[in-house]
Amino acid sequence: MPNNTSVHLSVLRNAGLVSSTKEGRSVTYRAERGALRNLATFLSEAAK
């Protein structure tokens, strides 16, 4: 059974908010700044 962190990061990756690189048994995740910026803008506008 995968741990919760892996599940959450997988959801974020599927949404395009993070990218991942697998090296051996390790997976490195990186924030997709443009996608996160767009999400923040959308949420900010929706909250008005």
C-alpha atoms as a PDB file:
ATOM      1  CA  MET A   1       0.000   0.000   0.000  1.00  0.00           C
ATOM      2  CA  PRO A   2       1.476   3.393  -0.977  1.00  0.00           C
ATOM      3  CA  ASN A   3       2.005   5.955   1.752  1.00  0.00           C
ATOM      4  CA  ASN A   4      -0.159   9.086   1.898  1.00  0.00           C
ATOM      5  CA  THR A   5       2.589  11.396   0.677  1.00  0.00           C
ATOM      6  CA  SER A   6       3.055   9.355  -2.492  1.00  0.00           C
ATOM      7  CA  VAL A   7      -0.676   9.345  -3.127  1.00  0.00           C
ATOM      8  CA  HIS A   8      -0.960  13.113  -2.694  1.00  0.00           C
ATOM      9  CA  LEU A   9       2.076  13.803  -4.887  1.00  0.00           C
ATOM     10  CA  SER A  10       0.642  11.503  -7.551  1.00  0.00           C
ATOM     11  CA  VAL A  11      -2.610  13.504  -7.562  1.00  0.00           C
ATOM     12  CA  LEU A  12      -0.645  16.763  -7.872  1.00  0.00           C
ATOM     13  CA  ARG A  13       1.425  15.263 -10.714  1.00  0.00           C
ATOM     14  CA  ASN A  14      -1.721  14.121 -12.541  1.00  0.00           C
ATOM     15  CA  ALA A  15      -3.096  17.665 -12.173  1.00  0.00           C
ATOM     16  CA  GLY A  16       0.087  19.112 -13.695  1.00  0.00           C
ATOM     17  CA  LEU A  17       1.047  21.012 -10.543  1.00  0.00           C
ATOM     18  CA  VAL A  18       4.267  19.038  -9.982  1.00  0.00           C
ATOM     19  CA  SER A  19       6.550  17.011 -12.221  1.00  0.00           C
ATOM     20  CA  SER A  20       8.502  13.934 -11.235  1.00  0.00           C
ATOM     21  CA  THR A  21      11.766  12.279 -12.180  1.00  0.00           C
ATOM     22  CA  LYS A  22      12.525   8.699 -11.194  1.00  0.00           C
ATOM     23  CA  GLU A  23      16.109   7.706 -10.466  1.00  0.00           C
ATOM     24  CA  GLY A  24      16.415   4.127  -9.327  1.00  0.00           C
ATOM     25  CA  ARG A  25      14.068   3.693  -6.401  1.00  0.00           C
ATOM     26  CA  SER A  26      13.859   7.428  -5.688  1.00  0.00           C
ATOM     27  CA  VAL A  27      11.383   9.876  -7.174  1.00  0.00           C
ATOM     28  CA  THR A  28      12.126  13.594  -7.140  1.00  0.00           C
ATOM     29  CA  TYR A  29       9.184  16.002  -7.402  1.00  0.00           C
ATOM     30  CA  ARG A  30       9.366  19.611  -8.592  1.00  0.00           C
ATOM     31  CA  ALA A  31       6.724  22.297  -8.411  1.00  0.00           C
ATOM     32  CA  GLU A  32       5.483  23.499 -11.798  1.00  0.00           C
ATOM     33  CA  ARG A  33       5.625  27.214 -11.064  1.00  0.00           C
ATOM     34  CA  GLY A  34       3.533  28.324 -14.032  1.00  0.00           C
ATOM     35  CA  ALA A  35       0.736  25.912 -13.233  1.00  0.00           C
ATOM     36  CA  LEU A  36       0.804  26.887  -9.549  1.00  0.00           C
ATOM     37  CA  ARG A  37       0.782  30.580 -10.476  1.00  0.00           C
ATOM     38  CA  ASN A  38      -2.248  29.996 -12.721  1.00  0.00           C
ATOM     39  CA  LEU A  39      -4.005  28.107  -9.928  1.00  0.00           C
ATOM     40  CA  ALA A  40      -3.284  30.886  -7.427  1.00  0.00           C
ATOM     41  CA  THR A  41      -4.626  33.485  -9.855  1.00  0.00           C
ATOM     42  CA  PHE A  42      -7.755  31.443 -10.470  1.00  0.00           C
ATOM     43  CA  LEU A  43      -8.402  30.927  -6.758  1.00  0.00           C
ATOM     44  CA  SER A  44      -7.769  34.585  -6.020  1.00  0.00           C
ATOM     45  CA  GLU A  45     -10.257  35.668  -8.675  1.00  0.00           C
ATOM     46  CA  ALA A  46     -12.820  33.084  -7.569  1.00  0.00           C
ATOM     47  CA  ALA A  47     -12.626  34.345  -3.978  1.00  0.00           C
ATOM     48  CA  LYS A  48     -13.682  37.876  -4.954  1.00  0.00           C
END
